[in-house]
């Protein structure tokens, strides 16, 4: 059977359009990935190593590595320790209806 090139973005968009449950699950995972990616980027911009974050957070370097891998969902407790050690904070605010609608227009 020959390999077929797959347009992953188009396939995800197609599944989101056809299946509301898939879209809901995808949106949640996408938010998780975005949050973790942003935290890792900010850690690196500040010049902190995983080992430094681990020491500051009271976690092992292996736990920090798992937090930063996108195939793993960290516990909230460990993620907060990670953020604190990196000098970051998570701010929760009410969604702006207009920005939510704009985001829904652009999946990728």
N, C-alpha and C. Protein backbone atom coordinates (compact mmCIF):
# COMPACT_ATOMS: atom_id res chain seq x y z
N UNK A 1 0.85 -1.17 0.00
CA UNK A 1 0.00 0.00 0.00
C UNK A 1 0.90 1.24 0.00
N UNK A 2 0.76 2.08 -0.99
CA UNK A 2 1.59 3.29 -1.04
C UNK A 2 1.16 4.30 0.02
N UNK A 3 2.15 5.10 0.41
CA UNK A 3 1.85 6.15 1.37
C UNK A 3 1.13 7.29 0.67
N UNK A 4 0.26 7.90 1.39
CA UNK A 4 -0.51 9.02 0.86
C UNK A 4 -0.19 10.24 1.71
N UNK A 5 0.17 11.35 1.06
CA UNK A 5 0.47 12.57 1.80
C UNK A 5 -0.83 13.12 2.39
N UNK A 6 -0.78 13.45 3.64
CA UNK A 6 -1.97 13.91 4.35
C UNK A 6 -1.79 15.36 4.78
N UNK A 7 -2.76 16.18 4.49
CA UNK A 7 -2.76 17.56 4.96
C UNK A 7 -3.42 17.56 6.33
N UNK A 8 -2.59 17.55 7.36
CA UNK A 8 -3.08 17.40 8.73
C UNK A 8 -4.01 18.53 9.12
N UNK A 9 -3.64 19.76 8.77
CA UNK A 9 -4.48 20.91 9.12
C UNK A 9 -5.86 20.80 8.48
N UNK A 10 -5.88 20.40 7.22
CA UNK A 10 -7.16 20.26 6.51
C UNK A 10 -7.98 19.12 7.12
N UNK A 11 -7.32 18.04 7.49
CA UNK A 11 -8.03 16.90 8.10
C UNK A 11 -8.63 17.29 9.45
N UNK A 12 -7.87 18.02 10.25
CA UNK A 12 -8.38 18.47 11.55
C UNK A 12 -9.56 19.41 11.34
N UNK A 13 -9.42 20.33 10.41
CA UNK A 13 -10.52 21.26 10.12
C UNK A 13 -11.76 20.51 9.67
N UNK A 14 -11.57 19.52 8.82
CA UNK A 14 -12.70 18.71 8.32
C UNK A 14 -13.38 17.99 9.49
N UNK A 15 -12.58 17.39 10.36
CA UNK A 15 -13.15 16.67 11.52
C UNK A 15 -13.86 17.63 12.47
N UNK A 16 -13.28 18.83 12.66
CA UNK A 16 -13.92 19.83 13.52
C UNK A 16 -15.26 20.27 12.94
N UNK A 17 -15.30 20.44 11.63
CA UNK A 17 -16.55 20.85 10.96
C UNK A 17 -17.63 19.78 11.06
N UNK A 18 -17.24 18.52 11.01
CA UNK A 18 -18.21 17.42 10.99
C UNK A 18 -18.62 16.92 12.36
N UNK A 19 -17.74 17.07 13.34
CA UNK A 19 -17.97 16.43 14.64
C UNK A 19 -17.78 17.44 15.78
N UNK A 20 -18.88 17.94 16.35
CA UNK A 20 -18.77 18.93 17.44
C UNK A 20 -17.98 18.42 18.65
N UNK A 21 -18.09 17.14 18.96
CA UNK A 21 -17.35 16.59 20.10
C UNK A 21 -15.85 16.59 19.81
N UNK A 22 -15.48 16.26 18.58
CA UNK A 22 -14.08 16.31 18.19
C UNK A 22 -13.55 17.74 18.31
N UNK A 23 -14.33 18.69 17.81
CA UNK A 23 -13.93 20.10 17.86
C UNK A 23 -13.73 20.55 19.30
N UNK A 24 -14.63 20.18 20.17
CA UNK A 24 -14.51 20.57 21.58
C UNK A 24 -13.24 19.99 22.20
N UNK A 25 -12.99 18.71 21.94
CA UNK A 25 -11.79 18.06 22.47
C UNK A 25 -10.53 18.69 21.88
N UNK A 26 -10.56 18.96 20.58
CA UNK A 26 -9.41 19.57 19.92
C UNK A 26 -9.13 20.96 20.48
N UNK A 27 -10.16 21.74 20.69
CA UNK A 27 -9.99 23.09 21.21
C UNK A 27 -9.34 23.08 22.60
N UNK A 28 -9.73 22.14 23.43
CA UNK A 28 -9.15 22.03 24.78
C UNK A 28 -7.68 21.65 24.69
N UNK A 29 -7.37 20.66 23.88
CA UNK A 29 -5.98 20.22 23.72
C UNK A 29 -5.14 21.35 23.14
N UNK A 30 -5.69 22.06 22.18
CA UNK A 30 -4.97 23.17 21.56
C UNK A 30 -4.64 24.25 22.60
N UNK A 31 -5.57 24.51 23.49
CA UNK A 31 -5.31 25.51 24.54
C UNK A 31 -4.22 25.02 25.50
N UNK A 32 -4.23 23.73 25.83
CA UNK A 32 -3.18 23.17 26.68
C UNK A 32 -1.82 23.33 26.02
N UNK A 33 -1.73 22.92 24.76
CA UNK A 33 -0.46 23.02 24.03
C UNK A 33 0.02 24.46 23.97
N UNK A 34 -0.87 25.37 23.66
CA UNK A 34 -0.51 26.77 23.54
C UNK A 34 0.02 27.31 24.87
N UNK A 35 -0.63 26.96 25.95
CA UNK A 35 -0.21 27.41 27.28
C UNK A 35 1.18 26.89 27.63
N UNK A 36 1.40 25.61 27.41
CA UNK A 36 2.70 25.01 27.73
C UNK A 36 3.79 25.58 26.81
N UNK A 37 3.50 25.68 25.53
CA UNK A 37 4.48 26.23 24.59
C UNK A 37 4.89 27.65 24.98
N UNK A 38 3.93 28.45 25.38
CA UNK A 38 4.21 29.83 25.78
C UNK A 38 5.10 29.86 27.03
N UNK A 39 4.80 29.00 28.00
CA UNK A 39 5.60 28.94 29.23
C UNK A 39 7.04 28.52 28.92
N UNK A 40 7.21 27.52 28.05
CA UNK A 40 8.55 27.06 27.69
C UNK A 40 9.31 28.16 26.96
N UNK A 41 8.65 28.82 26.03
CA UNK A 41 9.28 29.91 25.30
C UNK A 41 9.74 31.02 26.25
N UNK A 42 8.90 31.38 27.19
CA UNK A 42 9.25 32.44 28.14
C UNK A 42 10.38 31.99 29.07
N UNK A 43 10.39 30.72 29.47
CA UNK A 43 11.50 30.20 30.29
C UNK A 43 12.80 30.35 29.53
N UNK A 44 12.80 29.93 28.26
CA UNK A 44 14.01 30.00 27.45
C UNK A 44 14.45 31.44 27.21
N UNK A 45 13.49 32.34 26.97
CA UNK A 45 13.82 33.75 26.76
C UNK A 45 14.52 34.35 27.97
N UNK A 46 14.17 33.86 29.16
CA UNK A 46 14.79 34.36 30.38
C UNK A 46 16.14 33.69 30.66
N UNK A 47 16.46 32.67 29.87
CA UNK A 47 17.75 32.01 30.01
C UNK A 47 17.81 30.93 31.08
N UNK A 48 16.66 30.51 31.59
CA UNK A 48 16.65 29.45 32.60
C UNK A 48 16.74 28.08 31.94
N UNK A 49 17.49 27.18 32.57
CA UNK A 49 17.55 25.80 32.11
C UNK A 49 16.47 24.99 32.83
N UNK A 50 16.21 23.82 32.31
CA UNK A 50 15.26 22.93 32.99
C UNK A 50 15.77 22.59 34.38
N UNK A 51 17.08 22.39 34.50
CA UNK A 51 17.66 22.05 35.80
C UNK A 51 17.45 23.18 36.81
N UNK A 52 17.65 24.43 36.38
CA UNK A 52 17.45 25.57 37.28
C UNK A 52 15.99 25.66 37.72
N UNK A 53 15.06 25.46 36.78
CA UNK A 53 13.64 25.50 37.13
C UNK A 53 13.31 24.38 38.11
N UNK A 54 13.86 23.19 37.86
CA UNK A 54 13.61 22.05 38.74
C UNK A 54 14.07 22.35 40.16
N UNK A 55 15.27 22.87 40.29
CA UNK A 55 15.80 23.19 41.62
C UNK A 55 14.94 24.23 42.32
N UNK A 56 14.55 25.26 41.61
CA UNK A 56 13.74 26.34 42.19
C UNK A 56 12.34 25.84 42.57
N UNK A 57 11.80 24.93 41.75
CA UNK A 57 10.43 24.44 41.97
C UNK A 57 10.36 23.28 42.95
N UNK A 58 11.51 22.70 43.27
CA UNK A 58 11.50 21.53 44.15
C UNK A 58 11.04 20.28 43.42
N UNK A 59 11.30 20.24 42.12
CA UNK A 59 10.94 19.10 41.30
C UNK A 59 12.21 18.54 40.66
N UNK A 60 12.10 17.39 40.04
CA UNK A 60 13.25 16.85 39.33
C UNK A 60 13.29 17.41 37.91
N UNK A 61 14.48 17.34 37.32
CA UNK A 61 14.62 17.80 35.94
C UNK A 61 13.75 16.94 35.01
N UNK A 62 13.57 15.67 35.36
CA UNK A 62 12.73 14.79 34.55
C UNK A 62 11.27 15.25 34.56
N UNK A 63 10.80 15.73 35.71
CA UNK A 63 9.42 16.24 35.79
C UNK A 63 9.29 17.49 34.93
N UNK A 64 10.29 18.35 34.98
CA UNK A 64 10.26 19.56 34.14
C UNK A 64 10.24 19.18 32.66
N UNK A 65 11.03 18.20 32.30
CA UNK A 65 11.05 17.73 30.92
C UNK A 65 9.67 17.21 30.50
N UNK A 66 9.03 16.45 31.37
CA UNK A 66 7.69 15.93 31.05
C UNK A 66 6.67 17.07 30.94
N UNK A 67 6.79 18.08 31.80
CA UNK A 67 5.88 19.23 31.72
C UNK A 67 6.00 19.88 30.36
N UNK A 68 7.23 19.98 29.85
CA UNK A 68 7.47 20.69 28.60
C UNK A 68 7.17 19.85 27.35
N UNK A 69 7.00 18.55 27.50
CA UNK A 69 6.65 17.72 26.34
C UNK A 69 5.16 17.86 26.06
N UNK A 70 4.83 18.00 24.80
CA UNK A 70 3.43 18.23 24.43
C UNK A 70 2.60 16.95 24.45
N UNK A 71 3.23 15.80 24.64
CA UNK A 71 2.47 14.56 24.71
C UNK A 71 2.11 14.20 26.15
N UNK A 72 2.28 15.15 27.04
CA UNK A 72 2.02 14.92 28.45
C UNK A 72 1.24 16.11 29.01
N UNK A 73 0.27 15.85 29.86
CA UNK A 73 -0.46 16.91 30.52
C UNK A 73 -0.03 16.94 31.98
N UNK A 74 0.66 18.02 32.39
CA UNK A 74 1.15 18.07 33.78
C UNK A 74 0.00 18.28 34.76
N UNK A 75 0.26 17.92 36.01
CA UNK A 75 -0.73 18.24 37.03
C UNK A 75 -0.74 19.76 37.20
N UNK A 76 -1.85 20.27 37.63
CA UNK A 76 -1.96 21.71 37.86
C UNK A 76 -0.95 22.14 38.92
N UNK A 77 -0.78 21.36 39.96
CA UNK A 77 0.15 21.69 41.04
C UNK A 77 1.58 21.83 40.49
N UNK A 78 2.02 20.86 39.69
CA UNK A 78 3.38 20.93 39.14
C UNK A 78 3.53 22.06 38.14
N UNK A 79 2.48 22.33 37.38
CA UNK A 79 2.56 23.42 36.41
C UNK A 79 2.67 24.77 37.13
N UNK A 80 1.94 24.93 38.22
CA UNK A 80 2.03 26.17 39.00
C UNK A 80 3.44 26.31 39.60
N UNK A 81 4.00 25.21 40.11
CA UNK A 81 5.37 25.26 40.63
C UNK A 81 6.33 25.67 39.51
N UNK A 82 6.14 25.12 38.33
CA UNK A 82 6.97 25.45 37.17
C UNK A 82 6.87 26.95 36.88
N UNK A 83 5.65 27.46 36.81
CA UNK A 83 5.46 28.89 36.52
C UNK A 83 6.11 29.76 37.58
N UNK A 84 5.90 29.42 38.84
CA UNK A 84 6.51 30.20 39.93
C UNK A 84 8.03 30.20 39.81
N UNK A 85 8.62 29.05 39.55
CA UNK A 85 10.07 28.95 39.45
C UNK A 85 10.61 29.76 38.27
N UNK A 86 9.82 29.87 37.22
CA UNK A 86 10.24 30.63 36.03
C UNK A 86 9.91 32.11 36.15
N UNK A 87 9.30 32.51 37.26
CA UNK A 87 8.92 33.90 37.44
C UNK A 87 7.74 34.30 36.57
N UNK A 88 6.87 33.34 36.31
CA UNK A 88 5.70 33.57 35.47
C UNK A 88 4.44 33.43 36.31
N UNK A 89 3.36 34.02 35.82
CA UNK A 89 2.08 33.85 36.49
C UNK A 89 0.99 33.63 35.45
N UNK A 90 -0.01 32.93 35.86
CA UNK A 90 -1.16 32.65 35.01
C UNK A 90 -2.27 33.60 35.40
N UNK A 91 -2.78 34.35 34.45
CA UNK A 91 -3.83 35.32 34.73
C UNK A 91 -5.12 34.81 34.09
N UNK A 92 -6.17 34.79 34.88
CA UNK A 92 -7.47 34.35 34.39
C UNK A 92 -8.36 35.57 34.24
N UNK A 93 -8.98 35.68 33.09
CA UNK A 93 -9.88 36.81 32.86
C UNK A 93 -11.08 36.34 32.06
N UNK A 94 -12.12 37.12 32.10
CA UNK A 94 -13.32 36.81 31.36
C UNK A 94 -13.03 36.94 29.87
N UNK A 95 -13.56 35.99 29.10
CA UNK A 95 -13.37 36.01 27.66
C UNK A 95 -14.04 37.22 27.04
N UNK A 96 -13.38 37.77 26.06
CA UNK A 96 -13.95 38.83 25.25
C UNK A 96 -14.67 38.16 24.09
N UNK A 97 -15.98 38.37 23.98
CA UNK A 97 -16.78 37.68 22.97
C UNK A 97 -16.24 37.92 21.57
N UNK A 98 -15.82 39.13 21.28
CA UNK A 98 -15.32 39.45 19.94
C UNK A 98 -14.04 38.68 19.63
N UNK A 99 -13.12 38.60 20.58
CA UNK A 99 -11.86 37.90 20.32
C UNK A 99 -12.10 36.41 20.17
N UNK A 100 -13.09 35.85 20.89
CA UNK A 100 -13.41 34.44 20.76
C UNK A 100 -13.94 34.16 19.35
N UNK A 101 -14.79 35.03 18.85
CA UNK A 101 -15.33 34.84 17.50
C UNK A 101 -14.23 34.95 16.46
N UNK A 102 -13.30 35.88 16.66
CA UNK A 102 -12.18 36.02 15.72
C UNK A 102 -11.32 34.76 15.73
N UNK A 103 -11.06 34.21 16.90
CA UNK A 103 -10.23 33.00 17.00
C UNK A 103 -10.91 31.84 16.30
N UNK A 104 -12.22 31.74 16.41
CA UNK A 104 -12.92 30.64 15.77
C UNK A 104 -12.86 30.73 14.25
N UNK A 105 -12.66 31.93 13.71
CA UNK A 105 -12.55 32.09 12.27
C UNK A 105 -11.24 31.52 11.75
N UNK A 106 -10.20 31.57 12.58
CA UNK A 106 -8.88 31.13 12.16
C UNK A 106 -8.46 29.96 13.04
N UNK A 107 -8.62 28.75 12.54
CA UNK A 107 -8.24 27.56 13.30
C UNK A 107 -6.73 27.41 13.31
N UNK A 108 -6.09 27.74 12.20
CA UNK A 108 -4.63 27.63 12.10
C UNK A 108 -4.04 28.91 11.62
